[in-house]
Amino acid sequence: MGRHARHRAGHANSEAPQSVTATGTHRAVGRRRGVAAWPIACLVLVGLLVAGWFGWNWADGVLESRAAAEVASCPQGDATVRVAVDPALEEPVATAADRWNREGTIVREHCVRVDVHAVPSEEVEAVLLDSAEPASIGGYPTAWLPDAAERIDRLAADRPELIGSSGLTIASSTEGEHRFLAVAGPHTGEVEQHAAQSFQKFLLRPAQQDVFRAAGLTPANA
């Protein structure tokens, strides 16, 4: 009995350290895993911050490049073409001008904007013949699209220096032909005259002619 008791005691003592060692090992492993997670989280956070910083600067650089390109495309600045049209022609011409402006047309290194003003033809004619002040129609026109071709014919006879183009027919109606005149003279700069002539050609494009047709007018190319 004495030997058996000593054997059981020795067996019990030999198992006790193993249990402690196993438990201690488990706690140590758990602590090492917890510590390793923090550096990984920090690295991920830093990576996101760096990526965000580069992304912000990239987007900012793109915007600056676009702005610089727009400025470079019009080194001479802006120019405005003021087109006086008879009220009956306002809708199709205004529609064409809106397309022109949205396309960002450039003439002689100027960004050209077309402003359309509906003014009775007799009032514009009076200004061009110096029998009325330009302020009465909102300013001197760069171009004119009257209700009848005869008005341009009279202007050519009385003030030939104001005829800056041949006055091409843009459309026709029961009133006759509607010609577009790029106005020359001391009130119109060279860039504005060329821009007016470019807009005249723009009005003769098929897409613009379709707008005149939709307005009940006969296109020039019909």
Protein backbone atom coordinates (compact mmCIF):
# COMPACT_ATOMS: atom_id res chain seq x y z
CA MET A 1 0.00 0.00 0.00
CA GLY A 2 2.85 2.40 0.71
CA ARG A 3 4.36 1.91 -2.71
CA HIS A 4 0.97 2.40 -4.41
CA ALA A 5 0.33 5.60 -2.47
CA ARG A 6 3.72 6.99 -3.39
CA HIS A 7 3.14 6.02 -7.04
CA ARG A 8 -0.23 7.84 -7.14
CA ALA A 9 1.27 10.91 -5.48
CA GLY A 10 4.16 10.94 -7.92
CA HIS A 11 1.79 10.52 -10.84
CA ALA A 12 -0.35 13.42 -9.58
CA ASN A 13 2.71 15.61 -9.11
CA SER A 14 3.96 14.83 -12.64
CA GLU A 15 0.61 15.87 -14.20
CA ALA A 16 0.28 19.16 -12.33
CA PRO A 17 3.14 21.04 -14.05
CA GLN A 18 1.87 19.89 -17.45
CA SER A 19 -1.55 21.43 -16.80
CA VAL A 20 -0.01 24.70 -15.64
CA THR A 21 2.37 24.78 -18.57
CA ALA A 22 -0.45 24.17 -21.10
CA THR A 23 -2.59 26.87 -19.53
CA GLY A 24 0.28 29.30 -19.42
CA THR A 25 1.11 28.61 -23.05
CA HIS A 26 -2.48 29.32 -24.09
CA ARG A 27 -2.43 32.71 -22.33
CA ALA A 28 0.86 33.63 -23.94
CA VAL A 29 -0.39 32.82 -27.41
CA GLY A 30 -3.52 34.87 -26.81
CA ARG A 31 -1.47 37.89 -25.75
CA ARG A 32 0.78 37.69 -28.82
CA ARG A 33 -2.25 37.66 -31.19
CA GLY A 34 -3.77 40.73 -29.48
CA VAL A 35 -0.58 42.75 -29.79
CA ALA A 36 -0.09 41.90 -33.48
CA ALA A 37 -3.53 43.28 -34.49
CA TRP A 38 -2.74 46.89 -33.54
CA PRO A 39 0.17 47.44 -35.94
CA ILE A 40 -1.88 46.02 -38.81
CA ALA A 41 -4.78 48.37 -38.04
CA CYS A 42 -2.41 51.33 -37.85
CA LEU A 43 -0.82 50.43 -41.18
CA VAL A 44 -4.24 50.16 -42.84
CA LEU A 45 -5.31 53.54 -41.45
CA VAL A 46 -2.10 55.20 -42.61
CA GLY A 47 -2.52 53.62 -46.05
CA LEU A 48 -6.05 54.99 -46.35
CA LEU A 49 -4.93 58.47 -45.32
CA VAL A 50 -2.08 58.47 -47.83
CA ALA A 51 -4.35 57.20 -50.62
CA GLY A 52 -6.92 59.88 -49.80
CA TRP A 53 -4.25 62.58 -49.84
CA PHE A 54 -2.96 61.47 -53.24
CA GLY A 55 -6.51 61.17 -54.58
CA TRP A 56 -7.41 64.68 -53.45
CA ASN A 57 -4.28 66.18 -54.97
CA TRP A 58 -4.83 64.25 -58.22
CA ALA A 59 -8.40 65.56 -58.55
CA ASP A 60 -7.25 69.08 -57.72
CA GLY A 61 -4.52 68.80 -60.35
CA VAL A 62 -7.03 67.67 -62.99
CA LEU A 63 -9.25 70.68 -62.30
CA GLU A 64 -6.28 73.02 -62.53
CA SER A 65 -5.20 71.43 -65.82
CA ARG A 66 -8.66 71.84 -67.30
CA ALA A 67 -8.82 75.47 -66.21
CA ALA A 68 -5.38 76.11 -67.71
CA ALA A 69 -6.43 74.46 -70.98
CA GLU A 70 -9.53 76.64 -71.21
CA VAL A 71 -7.50 79.79 -70.64
CA ALA A 72 -4.88 78.68 -73.17
CA SER A 73 -7.55 78.04 -75.84
CA CYS A 74 -8.68 81.71 -75.73
CA PRO A 75 -5.46 83.66 -75.14
CA GLN A 76 -6.99 86.85 -76.55
CA GLY A 77 -9.98 86.78 -74.18
CA ASP A 78 -13.70 86.97 -74.90
CA ALA A 79 -15.70 88.61 -77.67
CA THR A 80 -19.45 89.17 -78.06
CA VAL A 81 -21.50 89.18 -81.24
CA ARG A 82 -24.74 91.07 -80.77
CA VAL A 83 -27.27 89.87 -83.32
CA ALA A 84 -30.38 91.97 -83.87
CA VAL A 85 -33.16 89.88 -85.40
CA ASP A 86 -36.71 90.61 -86.38
CA PRO A 87 -39.08 89.20 -83.71
CA ALA A 88 -40.49 86.70 -86.23
CA LEU A 89 -37.03 85.11 -86.51
CA GLU A 90 -36.03 85.20 -82.85
CA GLU A 91 -36.83 81.61 -81.88
CA PRO A 92 -34.73 79.74 -84.49
CA VAL A 93 -31.82 82.18 -84.28
CA ALA A 94 -31.80 82.08 -80.47
CA THR A 95 -31.80 78.27 -80.57
CA ALA A 96 -28.83 78.29 -82.93
CA ALA A 97 -27.01 80.84 -80.75
CA ASP A 98 -27.50 78.63 -77.70
CA ARG A 99 -25.89 75.71 -79.55
CA TRP A 100 -23.04 77.95 -80.69
CA ASN A 101 -22.39 79.15 -77.15
CA ARG A 102 -22.49 75.64 -75.69
CA GLU A 103 -19.92 74.47 -78.23
CA GLY A 104 -17.48 77.14 -77.02
CA THR A 105 -16.64 78.43 -80.49
CA ILE A 106 -13.27 80.16 -80.89
CA VAL A 107 -12.59 82.79 -83.56
CA ARG A 108 -9.10 84.25 -83.92
CA GLU A 109 -8.11 83.05 -80.45
CA HIS A 110 -11.19 84.69 -78.88
CA CYS A 111 -13.97 82.83 -77.11
CA VAL A 112 -17.02 84.18 -78.92
CA ARG A 113 -20.47 84.43 -77.40
CA VAL A 114 -23.53 85.26 -79.50
CA ASP A 115 -26.29 87.36 -77.91
CA VAL A 116 -29.58 87.49 -79.80
CA HIS A 117 -31.91 90.49 -79.38
CA ALA A 118 -35.35 90.69 -80.96
CA VAL A 119 -35.83 94.21 -82.34
CA PRO A 120 -38.32 95.41 -84.97
CA SER A 121 -36.50 95.70 -88.30
CA GLU A 122 -37.49 99.34 -88.87
CA GLU A 123 -35.85 100.34 -85.57
CA VAL A 124 -32.55 98.64 -86.42
CA GLU A 125 -32.62 100.21 -89.88
CA ALA A 126 -33.07 103.65 -88.33
CA VAL A 127 -29.99 103.14 -86.13
CA LEU A 128 -27.85 101.93 -89.02
CA LEU A 129 -28.92 104.95 -91.11
CA ASP A 130 -28.05 107.29 -88.24
CA SER A 131 -31.59 108.49 -87.74
CA ALA A 132 -31.85 106.94 -84.26
CA GLU A 133 -29.53 106.39 -81.32
CA PRO A 134 -28.07 102.89 -80.74
CA ALA A 135 -29.30 103.05 -77.14
CA SER A 136 -32.87 102.94 -78.45
CA ILE A 137 -32.34 99.29 -79.46
CA GLY A 138 -30.01 98.34 -76.62
CA GLY A 139 -26.72 98.96 -78.43
CA TYR A 140 -25.15 98.93 -81.86
CA PRO A 141 -25.60 95.53 -83.56
CA THR A 142 -22.75 93.36 -84.78
CA ALA A 143 -25.08 91.52 -87.14
CA TRP A 144 -28.61 91.96 -88.43
CA LEU A 145 -31.29 89.58 -89.69
CA PRO A 146 -34.24 91.75 -90.83
CA ASP A 147 -37.71 90.83 -91.97
CA ALA A 148 -37.00 91.59 -95.66
CA ALA A 149 -33.96 91.63 -97.97
CA GLU A 150 -34.96 95.07 -99.29
CA ARG A 151 -33.80 96.67 -96.06
CA ILE A 152 -30.25 95.41 -96.59
CA ASP A 153 -30.40 96.60 -100.21
CA ARG A 154 -31.32 100.10 -99.05
CA LEU A 155 -28.53 100.04 -96.47
CA ALA A 156 -26.03 98.96 -99.14
CA ALA A 157 -27.08 101.92 -101.29
CA ASP A 158 -27.06 104.53 -98.52
CA ARG A 159 -24.30 103.22 -96.20
CA PRO A 160 -22.14 100.79 -98.21
CA GLU A 161 -19.35 101.01 -95.61
CA LEU A 162 -21.57 99.09 -93.20
CA ILE A 163 -21.85 96.03 -95.44
CA GLY A 164 -19.42 93.58 -93.92
CA SER A 165 -20.65 90.49 -95.76
CA SER A 166 -22.64 89.61 -98.85
CA GLY A 167 -25.81 89.17 -96.80
CA LEU A 168 -26.50 85.48 -97.43
CA THR A 169 -30.10 84.27 -97.33
CA ILE A 170 -30.68 82.20 -94.19
CA ALA A 171 -34.36 81.38 -94.72
CA SER A 172 -37.48 82.58 -96.51
CA SER A 173 -41.10 83.25 -95.60
CA THR A 174 -44.17 84.89 -97.08
CA GLU A 175 -42.39 88.21 -96.45
CA GLY A 176 -39.54 87.20 -98.76
CA GLU A 177 -35.90 86.31 -98.16
CA HIS A 178 -34.26 86.81 -94.78
CA ARG A 179 -30.62 87.76 -95.23
CA PHE A 180 -27.95 87.83 -92.57
CA LEU A 181 -25.73 90.91 -92.53
CA ALA A 182 -22.41 91.14 -90.68
CA VAL A 183 -22.21 94.85 -89.92
CA ALA A 184 -18.91 96.61 -90.62
CA GLY A 185 -17.89 100.16 -89.77
CA PRO A 186 -16.33 101.95 -86.81
CA HIS A 187 -18.68 100.39 -84.25
CA THR A 188 -17.59 96.82 -84.98
CA GLY A 189 -14.15 95.38 -84.38
CA GLU A 190 -12.37 93.07 -86.78
CA VAL A 191 -12.75 90.04 -84.51
CA GLU A 192 -16.48 90.68 -84.09
CA GLN A 193 -16.92 90.99 -87.89
CA HIS A 194 -15.19 87.66 -88.51
CA ALA A 195 -17.17 86.05 -85.70
CA ALA A 196 -20.44 87.37 -87.19
CA GLN A 197 -19.54 85.87 -90.56
CA SER A 198 -18.72 82.56 -88.87
CA PHE A 199 -22.12 82.59 -87.16
CA GLN A 200 -23.75 83.28 -90.53
CA LYS A 201 -22.17 80.07 -91.89
CA PHE A 202 -23.23 78.27 -88.72
CA LEU A 203 -26.86 79.19 -89.40
CA LEU A 204 -26.60 77.54 -92.82
CA ARG A 205 -25.64 74.15 -91.41
CA PRO A 206 -28.30 71.42 -91.79
CA ALA A 207 -29.00 71.18 -88.05
CA GLN A 208 -29.71 74.92 -87.81
CA GLN A 209 -31.71 74.93 -91.03
CA ASP A 210 -33.94 72.25 -89.54
CA VAL A 211 -34.74 74.66 -86.71
CA PHE A 212 -35.87 77.30 -89.21
CA ARG A 213 -38.03 74.69 -90.92
CA ALA A 214 -39.60 73.74 -87.59
CA ALA A 215 -40.42 77.42 -87.02
CA GLY A 216 -42.47 77.49 -90.23
CA LEU A 217 -39.79 79.09 -92.42
CA THR A 218 -38.33 77.79 -95.66
CA PRO A 219 -34.64 76.87 -95.23
CA ALA A 220 -32.11 78.38 -97.60
CA ASN A 221 -31.00 74.95 -98.74
CA ALA A 222 -34.54 73.73 -99.51
